Amino acid sequence: MLLFSDDERLLEKLSQLGNQLERLDKTVNWTSFRPALNRIFGNKEKNPAKGGRPPYDYLMMFKILLLARLYNLSDEAMEYQLLDRLSFRRFVGCDDQRVPDAKTIWLYRERLTKSGKEQELFDTFYLTLEEEGLLAHKGQIVDATFVEAPKRHL
């Protein structure tokens, strides 16, 4: 019998290696973003008793948009990275069974942009980092793409 699952062992190893997303998660008071996100995304007319799929957590979606911005990822690439990277799923707080697809990520981004509060929320995030003595340097995940090429006959 194993005491830890494979995922738990991997997460422990990531922590030992200095997982930057883990550090970020501990540094930022994420609950301070909830009131603004609830005002933007909350739908007071929607009756949960009528059924339908429950919405994704607004804070989780904000963290996804933040990662996409920090790593310069498209919505499709963000979906892929969430499915592929345990550290991303852990940071945003979703499991691999309920990862939002690219269209859902796009819809949340659109709604946030139309609210007029997008820049304010991201500025608050960067200001929080600055107050903690941290700077966020945007990065990029490089993806090796393989395409079909004509076969060379020697």
N, C-alpha and C. Protein backbone atom coordinates (compact mmCIF):
# COMPACT_ATOMS: atom_id res chain seq x y z
N MET A 1 0.84 -1.19 0.00
CA MET A 1 0.00 0.00 0.00
C MET A 1 0.88 1.25 0.00
N LEU A 2 0.57 2.20 -0.86
CA LEU A 2 1.34 3.43 -0.96
C LEU A 2 0.77 4.48 -0.01
N LEU A 3 1.66 5.22 0.64
CA LEU A 3 1.21 6.29 1.52
C LEU A 3 0.82 7.53 0.73
N PHE A 4 1.49 7.75 -0.39
CA PHE A 4 1.23 8.93 -1.21
C PHE A 4 0.91 8.50 -2.64
N SER A 5 0.01 9.22 -3.26
CA SER A 5 -0.27 8.93 -4.66
C SER A 5 0.86 9.50 -5.52
N ASP A 6 0.89 9.13 -6.78
CA ASP A 6 1.91 9.65 -7.69
C ASP A 6 1.85 11.17 -7.78
N ASP A 7 0.63 11.74 -7.86
CA ASP A 7 0.48 13.19 -7.93
C ASP A 7 1.03 13.88 -6.69
N GLU A 8 0.79 13.30 -5.53
CA GLU A 8 1.29 13.90 -4.29
C GLU A 8 2.81 13.88 -4.26
N ARG A 9 3.40 12.82 -4.73
CA ARG A 9 4.86 12.74 -4.79
C ARG A 9 5.42 13.77 -5.76
N LEU A 10 4.76 13.91 -6.90
CA LEU A 10 5.21 14.91 -7.88
C LEU A 10 5.08 16.32 -7.31
N LEU A 11 3.98 16.60 -6.65
CA LEU A 11 3.78 17.93 -6.06
C LEU A 11 4.83 18.21 -4.99
N GLU A 12 5.16 17.22 -4.20
CA GLU A 12 6.19 17.39 -3.17
C GLU A 12 7.53 17.68 -3.82
N LYS A 13 7.84 16.96 -4.89
CA LYS A 13 9.10 17.18 -5.60
C LYS A 13 9.14 18.58 -6.23
N LEU A 14 8.04 19.02 -6.81
CA LEU A 14 7.97 20.37 -7.38
C LEU A 14 8.22 21.41 -6.30
N SER A 15 7.64 21.21 -5.13
CA SER A 15 7.84 22.14 -4.02
C SER A 15 9.32 22.19 -3.62
N GLN A 16 9.96 21.04 -3.56
CA GLN A 16 11.37 20.99 -3.19
C GLN A 16 12.25 21.69 -4.22
N LEU A 17 11.84 21.62 -5.47
CA LEU A 17 12.63 22.25 -6.55
C LEU A 17 12.39 23.75 -6.66
N GLY A 18 11.44 24.28 -5.90
CA GLY A 18 11.18 25.71 -5.91
C GLY A 18 10.10 26.12 -6.89
N ASN A 19 8.93 25.54 -6.78
CA ASN A 19 7.81 25.84 -7.66
C ASN A 19 7.41 27.32 -7.51
N GLN A 20 7.65 28.10 -8.57
CA GLN A 20 7.35 29.53 -8.53
C GLN A 20 5.85 29.82 -8.39
N LEU A 21 5.03 28.96 -8.96
CA LEU A 21 3.59 29.17 -8.85
C LEU A 21 3.12 28.94 -7.41
N GLU A 22 3.75 28.01 -6.73
CA GLU A 22 3.42 27.76 -5.33
C GLU A 22 3.78 28.99 -4.49
N ARG A 23 4.93 29.55 -4.77
CA ARG A 23 5.35 30.77 -4.06
C ARG A 23 4.38 31.91 -4.33
N LEU A 24 3.99 32.06 -5.58
CA LEU A 24 3.04 33.10 -5.95
C LEU A 24 1.72 32.92 -5.24
N ASP A 25 1.26 31.67 -5.19
CA ASP A 25 -0.02 31.37 -4.55
C ASP A 25 -0.01 31.74 -3.07
N LYS A 26 1.12 31.53 -2.41
CA LYS A 26 1.24 31.85 -0.99
C LYS A 26 1.41 33.35 -0.76
N THR A 27 1.93 34.06 -1.74
CA THR A 27 2.22 35.49 -1.59
C THR A 27 0.98 36.36 -1.74
N VAL A 28 0.12 36.01 -2.67
CA VAL A 28 -1.04 36.85 -3.00
C VAL A 28 -2.25 36.46 -2.16
N ASN A 29 -2.93 37.46 -1.63
CA ASN A 29 -4.18 37.23 -0.92
C ASN A 29 -5.30 37.17 -1.96
N TRP A 30 -5.56 35.99 -2.46
CA TRP A 30 -6.50 35.82 -3.56
C TRP A 30 -7.93 36.16 -3.17
N THR A 31 -8.29 36.00 -1.90
CA THR A 31 -9.67 36.29 -1.49
C THR A 31 -10.01 37.76 -1.68
N SER A 32 -9.01 38.62 -1.72
CA SER A 32 -9.30 40.05 -1.93
C SER A 32 -9.85 40.31 -3.33
N PHE A 33 -9.65 39.39 -4.26
CA PHE A 33 -10.16 39.55 -5.62
C PHE A 33 -11.62 39.09 -5.75
N ARG A 34 -12.08 38.27 -4.83
CA ARG A 34 -13.41 37.67 -4.94
C ARG A 34 -14.56 38.67 -5.07
N PRO A 35 -14.63 39.71 -4.23
CA PRO A 35 -15.76 40.64 -4.36
C PRO A 35 -15.89 41.25 -5.76
N ALA A 36 -14.78 41.70 -6.32
CA ALA A 36 -14.83 42.29 -7.67
C ALA A 36 -15.22 41.24 -8.71
N LEU A 37 -14.66 40.04 -8.59
CA LEU A 37 -14.98 38.97 -9.54
C LEU A 37 -16.45 38.56 -9.42
N ASN A 38 -16.98 38.51 -8.21
CA ASN A 38 -18.40 38.17 -8.03
C ASN A 38 -19.30 39.23 -8.64
N ARG A 39 -18.90 40.50 -8.53
CA ARG A 39 -19.71 41.57 -9.15
C ARG A 39 -19.69 41.46 -10.68
N ILE A 40 -18.55 41.10 -11.23
CA ILE A 40 -18.41 41.00 -12.68
C ILE A 40 -19.12 39.76 -13.23
N PHE A 41 -18.90 38.62 -12.60
CA PHE A 41 -19.37 37.36 -13.17
C PHE A 41 -20.64 36.81 -12.54
N GLY A 42 -20.97 37.27 -11.36
CA GLY A 42 -22.15 36.74 -10.68
C GLY A 42 -23.42 37.06 -11.45
N ASN A 43 -24.30 36.10 -11.56
CA ASN A 43 -25.57 36.28 -12.27
C ASN A 43 -26.69 36.09 -11.25
N LYS A 44 -27.22 37.21 -10.77
CA LYS A 44 -28.23 37.14 -9.72
C LYS A 44 -29.56 36.58 -10.22
N GLU A 45 -29.80 36.65 -11.54
CA GLU A 45 -31.06 36.13 -12.08
C GLU A 45 -31.05 34.62 -12.26
N LYS A 46 -29.86 34.04 -12.34
CA LYS A 46 -29.77 32.60 -12.59
C LYS A 46 -30.23 31.82 -11.36
N ASN A 47 -31.13 30.90 -11.57
CA ASN A 47 -31.66 30.08 -10.49
C ASN A 47 -31.00 28.71 -10.56
N PRO A 48 -30.13 28.37 -9.58
CA PRO A 48 -29.43 27.08 -9.64
C PRO A 48 -30.39 25.90 -9.54
N ALA A 49 -31.58 26.12 -9.02
CA ALA A 49 -32.56 25.03 -8.90
C ALA A 49 -33.07 24.58 -10.27
N LYS A 50 -32.90 25.43 -11.28
CA LYS A 50 -33.36 25.08 -12.63
C LYS A 50 -32.38 24.17 -13.36
N GLY A 51 -31.27 23.87 -12.74
CA GLY A 51 -30.31 22.94 -13.34
C GLY A 51 -29.28 23.64 -14.19
N GLY A 52 -28.61 22.85 -14.97
CA GLY A 52 -27.53 23.37 -15.79
C GLY A 52 -26.20 23.15 -15.09
N ARG A 53 -25.17 23.23 -15.86
CA ARG A 53 -23.83 23.02 -15.32
C ARG A 53 -23.45 24.22 -14.45
N PRO A 54 -22.93 23.96 -13.25
CA PRO A 54 -22.51 25.09 -12.41
C PRO A 54 -21.33 25.81 -13.06
N PRO A 55 -21.24 27.11 -12.86
CA PRO A 55 -20.12 27.85 -13.47
C PRO A 55 -18.81 27.49 -12.80
N TYR A 56 -17.73 27.72 -13.53
CA TYR A 56 -16.41 27.56 -12.93
C TYR A 56 -16.22 28.64 -11.88
N ASP A 57 -15.41 28.36 -10.90
CA ASP A 57 -15.09 29.33 -9.87
C ASP A 57 -14.46 30.56 -10.52
N TYR A 58 -14.96 31.74 -10.17
CA TYR A 58 -14.48 32.97 -10.80
C TYR A 58 -13.01 33.24 -10.50
N LEU A 59 -12.59 32.95 -9.29
CA LEU A 59 -11.19 33.15 -8.93
C LEU A 59 -10.29 32.19 -9.71
N MET A 60 -10.73 30.96 -9.88
CA MET A 60 -9.98 29.99 -10.67
C MET A 60 -9.81 30.51 -12.10
N MET A 61 -10.87 31.04 -12.67
CA MET A 61 -10.81 31.54 -14.04
C MET A 61 -9.90 32.77 -14.13
N PHE A 62 -9.92 33.62 -13.11
CA PHE A 62 -9.02 34.78 -13.09
C PHE A 62 -7.57 34.31 -13.07
N LYS A 63 -7.28 33.30 -12.27
CA LYS A 63 -5.92 32.76 -12.20
C LYS A 63 -5.51 32.17 -13.55
N ILE A 64 -6.45 31.55 -14.24
CA ILE A 64 -6.15 31.01 -15.57
C ILE A 64 -5.81 32.14 -16.53
N LEU A 65 -6.60 33.21 -16.50
CA LEU A 65 -6.31 34.36 -17.37
C LEU A 65 -4.97 34.99 -17.00
N LEU A 66 -4.66 35.00 -15.74
CA LEU A 66 -3.38 35.54 -15.28
C LEU A 66 -2.22 34.69 -15.80
N LEU A 67 -2.33 33.38 -15.70
CA LEU A 67 -1.27 32.50 -16.23
C LEU A 67 -1.12 32.68 -17.74
N ALA A 68 -2.24 32.78 -18.43
CA ALA A 68 -2.18 32.97 -19.88
C ALA A 68 -1.44 34.26 -20.22
N ARG A 69 -1.68 35.29 -19.43
CA ARG A 69 -1.00 36.56 -19.65
C ARG A 69 0.49 36.46 -19.30
N LEU A 70 0.80 35.86 -18.16
CA LEU A 70 2.19 35.76 -17.72
C LEU A 70 3.04 34.91 -18.67
N TYR A 71 2.44 33.86 -19.20
CA TYR A 71 3.19 32.94 -20.07
C TYR A 71 2.93 33.18 -21.55
N ASN A 72 2.17 34.23 -21.86
CA ASN A 72 1.88 34.59 -23.25
C ASN A 72 1.26 33.41 -24.01
N LEU A 73 0.18 32.87 -23.45
CA LEU A 73 -0.48 31.70 -24.03
C LEU A 73 -1.83 32.05 -24.63
N SER A 74 -2.13 31.48 -25.76
CA SER A 74 -3.47 31.60 -26.34
C SER A 74 -4.43 30.77 -25.49
N ASP A 75 -5.70 30.92 -25.74
CA ASP A 75 -6.70 30.14 -24.99
C ASP A 75 -6.52 28.65 -25.24
N GLU A 76 -6.23 28.28 -26.48
CA GLU A 76 -6.02 26.87 -26.81
C GLU A 76 -4.77 26.33 -26.11
N ALA A 77 -3.70 27.12 -26.11
CA ALA A 77 -2.47 26.71 -25.45
C ALA A 77 -2.67 26.65 -23.93
N MET A 78 -3.48 27.53 -23.40
CA MET A 78 -3.76 27.52 -21.96
C MET A 78 -4.52 26.25 -21.58
N GLU A 79 -5.50 25.88 -22.38
CA GLU A 79 -6.23 24.63 -22.14
C GLU A 79 -5.26 23.45 -22.14
N TYR A 80 -4.40 23.42 -23.13
CA TYR A 80 -3.42 22.33 -23.24
C TYR A 80 -2.52 22.30 -22.01
N GLN A 81 -2.00 23.45 -21.62
CA GLN A 81 -1.09 23.49 -20.47
C GLN A 81 -1.79 23.07 -19.18
N LEU A 82 -3.06 23.42 -19.03
CA LEU A 82 -3.80 22.99 -17.85
C LEU A 82 -3.96 21.47 -17.82
N LEU A 83 -4.19 20.90 -18.99
CA LEU A 83 -4.31 19.44 -19.06
C LEU A 83 -2.96 18.76 -18.85
N ASP A 84 -1.91 19.41 -19.29
CA ASP A 84 -0.59 18.81 -19.29
C ASP A 84 0.21 19.04 -18.01
N ARG A 85 0.02 20.19 -17.38
CA ARG A 85 0.90 20.59 -16.27
C ARG A 85 0.20 20.53 -14.92
N LEU A 86 0.70 19.68 -14.09
CA LEU A 86 0.18 19.52 -12.74
C LEU A 86 0.33 20.82 -11.95
N SER A 87 1.45 21.51 -12.13
CA SER A 87 1.67 22.75 -11.38
C SER A 87 0.65 23.83 -11.75
N PHE A 88 0.23 23.89 -13.01
CA PHE A 88 -0.78 24.85 -13.42
C PHE A 88 -2.13 24.51 -12.78
N ARG A 89 -2.51 23.24 -12.83
CA ARG A 89 -3.79 22.83 -12.23
C ARG A 89 -3.79 23.10 -10.73
N ARG A 90 -2.69 22.81 -10.09
CA ARG A 90 -2.59 23.04 -8.65
C ARG A 90 -2.73 24.52 -8.35
N PHE A 91 -2.05 25.37 -9.11
CA PHE A 91 -2.10 26.81 -8.88
C PHE A 91 -3.50 27.38 -9.04
N VAL A 92 -4.19 26.99 -10.11
CA VAL A 92 -5.52 27.55 -10.35
C VAL A 92 -6.60 26.88 -9.50
N GLY A 93 -6.31 25.68 -9.02
CA GLY A 93 -7.27 25.00 -8.15
C GLY A 93 -8.29 24.16 -8.89
N CYS A 94 -7.88 23.52 -9.97
CA CYS A 94 -8.80 22.63 -10.66
C CYS A 94 -8.16 21.25 -10.79
N ASP A 95 -8.99 20.26 -10.93
CA ASP A 95 -8.44 18.92 -11.14
C ASP A 95 -8.53 18.61 -12.63
N ASP A 96 -7.90 17.53 -13.03
CA ASP A 96 -7.84 17.21 -14.46
C ASP A 96 -9.19 16.74 -15.01
N GLN A 97 -10.16 16.53 -14.14
CA GLN A 97 -11.49 16.12 -14.60
C GLN A 97 -12.35 17.32 -15.00
N ARG A 98 -12.00 18.50 -14.53
CA ARG A 98 -12.83 19.69 -14.79
C ARG A 98 -11.96 20.87 -15.22
N VAL A 99 -11.22 20.69 -16.28
CA VAL A 99 -10.39 21.76 -16.84
C VAL A 99 -11.23 22.51 -17.87
N PRO A 100 -11.32 23.84 -17.75
CA PRO A 100 -12.10 24.60 -18.74
C PRO A 100 -11.46 24.52 -20.12
N ASP A 101 -12.31 24.46 -21.13
CA ASP A 101 -11.78 24.41 -22.49
C ASP A 101 -11.47 25.82 -22.99
N ALA A 102 -10.86 25.89 -24.17
CA ALA A 102 -10.42 27.17 -24.73
C ALA A 102 -11.58 28.14 -24.91
N LYS A 103 -12.72 27.66 -25.34
CA LYS A 103 -13.89 28.53 -25.56
C LYS A 103 -14.35 29.15 -24.24
N THR A 104 -14.35 28.36 -23.17
CA THR A 104 -14.75 28.86 -21.86
C THR A 104 -13.77 29.93 -21.38
N ILE A 105 -12.49 29.67 -21.56
CA ILE A 105 -11.48 30.66 -21.18
C ILE A 105 -11.70 31.95 -21.97
N TRP A 106 -11.96 31.84 -23.26
CA TRP A 106 -12.21 33.00 -24.10
C TRP A 106 -13.44 33.77 -23.61
N LEU A 107 -14.51 33.05 -23.28
CA LEU A 107 -15.74 33.70 -22.82
C LEU A 107 -15.50 34.49 -21.52
N TYR A 108 -14.77 33.90 -20.60
CA TYR A 108 -14.46 34.62 -19.35
C TYR A 108 -13.62 35.86 -19.64
N ARG A 109 -12.63 35.74 -20.53
CA ARG A 109 -11.80 36.89 -20.87
C ARG A 109 -12.65 37.99 -21.49
N GLU A 110 -13.53 37.61 -22.40
CA GLU A 110 -14.41 38.59 -23.04
C GLU A 110 -15.28 39.31 -22.03
N ARG A 111 -15.85 38.54 -21.12
CA ARG A 111 -16.74 39.13 -20.11
C ARG A 111 -15.96 40.07 -19.18
N LEU A 112 -14.76 39.67 -18.82
CA LEU A 112 -13.91 40.51 -17.98
C LEU A 112 -13.54 41.79 -18.71
N THR A 113 -13.18 41.68 -19.97
CA THR A 113 -12.82 42.85 -20.77
C THR A 113 -13.99 43.80 -20.91
N LYS A 114 -15.17 43.26 -21.21
CA LYS A 114 -16.37 44.10 -21.37
C LYS A 114 -16.80 44.77 -20.08
N SER A 115 -16.41 44.22 -18.94
CA SER A 115 -16.77 44.81 -17.65
C SER A 115 -16.01 46.12 -17.41
N GLY A 116 -14.89 46.30 -18.12
CA GLY A 116 -14.06 47.48 -17.93
C GLY A 116 -13.17 47.38 -16.69
N LYS A 117 -13.15 46.25 -16.04
CA LYS A 117 -12.38 46.07 -14.80
C LYS A 117 -11.12 45.22 -14.99
N GLU A 118 -10.90 44.75 -16.21
CA GLU A 118 -9.78 43.85 -16.47
C GLU A 118 -8.44 44.46 -16.05
N GLN A 119 -8.15 45.65 -16.55
CA GLN A 119 -6.85 46.28 -16.25
C GLN A 119 -6.73 46.58 -14.76
N GLU A 120 -7.81 47.00 -14.15
CA GLU A 120 -7.79 47.29 -12.71
C GLU A 120 -7.42 46.04 -11.89
N LEU A 121 -8.01 44.90 -12.24
CA LEU A 121 -7.70 43.65 -11.52
C LEU A 121 -6.25 43.23 -11.73
N PHE A 122 -5.77 43.31 -12.95
CA PHE A 122 -4.38 42.92 -13.21
C PHE A 122 -3.41 43.90 -12.56
N ASP A 123 -3.75 45.20 -12.58
CA ASP A 123 -2.91 46.19 -11.90
C ASP A 123 -2.84 45.91 -10.40
N THR A 124 -3.97 45.52 -9.81
CA THR A 124 -4.01 45.16 -8.39
C THR A 124 -3.10 43.98 -8.12
N PHE A 125 -3.13 43.00 -9.01
CA PHE A 125 -2.25 41.83 -8.86
C PHE A 125 -0.78 42.26 -8.88
N TYR A 126 -0.39 43.05 -9.88
CA TYR A 126 1.01 43.47 -10.00
C TYR A 126 1.43 44.35 -8.82
N LEU A 127 0.53 45.19 -8.34
CA LEU A 127 0.81 46.04 -7.19
C LEU A 127 1.03 45.18 -5.93
N THR A 128 0.22 44.15 -5.78
CA THR A 128 0.37 43.22 -4.66
C THR A 128 1.75 42.58 -4.68
N LEU A 129 2.18 42.15 -5.86
CA LEU A 129 3.52 41.56 -5.99
C LEU A 129 4.60 42.57 -5.61
N GLU A 130 4.43 43.79 -6.12
CA GLU A 130 5.40 44.83 -5.84
C GLU A 130 5.53 45.09 -4.35
N GLU A 131 4.39 45.12 -3.65
CA GLU A 131 4.38 45.35 -2.21
C GLU A 131 5.10 44.22 -1.46
N GLU A 132 5.11 43.04 -2.05
CA GLU A 132 5.80 41.89 -1.46
C GLU A 132 7.26 41.79 -1.92
N GLY A 133 7.70 42.78 -2.71
CA GLY A 133 9.08 42.79 -3.18
C GLY A 133 9.33 41.85 -4.35
N LEU A 134 8.29 41.54 -5.10
CA LEU A 134 8.43 40.64 -6.24
C LEU A 134 8.09 41.36 -7.53
N LEU A 135 8.71 40.94 -8.60
CA LEU A 135 8.38 41.42 -9.93
C LEU A 135 8.00 40.23 -10.78
N ALA A 136 7.01 40.40 -11.62
CA ALA A 136 6.61 39.33 -12.53
C ALA A 136 7.17 39.64 -13.91
N HIS A 137 8.06 38.80 -14.35
CA HIS A 137 8.58 38.92 -15.71
C HIS A 137 7.79 37.95 -16.58
N LYS A 138 7.18 38.50 -17.61
CA LYS A 138 6.42 37.63 -18.50
C LYS A 138 7.35 36.66 -19.18
N GLY A 139 6.86 35.46 -19.36
CA GLY A 139 7.66 34.43 -19.99
C GLY A 139 6.95 33.85 -21.19
N GLN A 140 7.48 32.79 -21.66
CA GLN A 140 6.89 32.13 -22.80
C GLN A 140 7.20 30.65 -22.71
N ILE A 141 6.21 29.86 -22.98
CA ILE A 141 6.41 28.42 -23.07
C ILE A 141 6.61 28.12 -24.54
N VAL A 142 7.74 27.59 -24.87
CA VAL A 142 8.05 27.29 -26.26
C VAL A 142 7.54 25.90 -26.58
N ASP A 143 6.79 25.82 -27.64
CA ASP A 143 6.19 24.56 -28.04
C ASP A 143 6.85 24.09 -29.33
N ALA A 144 7.40 22.91 -29.28
CA ALA A 144 7.97 22.33 -30.50
C ALA A 144 6.82 21.76 -31.32
N THR A 145 6.70 22.20 -32.54
CA THR A 145 5.64 21.75 -33.42
C THR A 145 6.25 20.91 -34.53
N PHE A 146 5.64 19.79 -34.80
CA PHE A 146 6.11 18.91 -35.87
C PHE A 146 5.07 18.89 -36.98
N VAL A 147 5.52 19.08 -38.19
CA VAL A 147 4.62 19.09 -39.34
C VAL A 147 5.08 18.04 -40.34
N GLU A 148 4.14 17.59 -41.13
CA GLU A 148 4.48 16.64 -42.19
C GLU A 148 5.31 17.32 -43.25
N ALA A 149 6.37 16.68 -43.66
CA ALA A 149 7.23 17.20 -44.71
C ALA A 149 7.40 16.12 -45.76
N PRO A 150 7.65 16.51 -46.98
CA PRO A 150 7.86 15.50 -48.01
C PRO A 150 9.07 14.63 -47.67
N LYS A 151 8.93 13.34 -47.93
CA LYS A 151 10.03 12.42 -47.64
C LYS A 151 11.10 12.58 -48.71
N ARG A 152 12.33 12.61 -48.25
CA ARG A 152 13.44 12.70 -49.18
C ARG A 152 13.91 11.30 -49.54
N HIS A 153 14.01 11.05 -50.79
CA HIS A 153 14.51 9.75 -51.25
C HIS A 153 15.95 9.91 -51.69
N LEU A 154 16.79 9.12 -51.12
CA LEU A 154 18.23 9.22 -51.46
C LEU A 154 18.62 8.23 -52.49
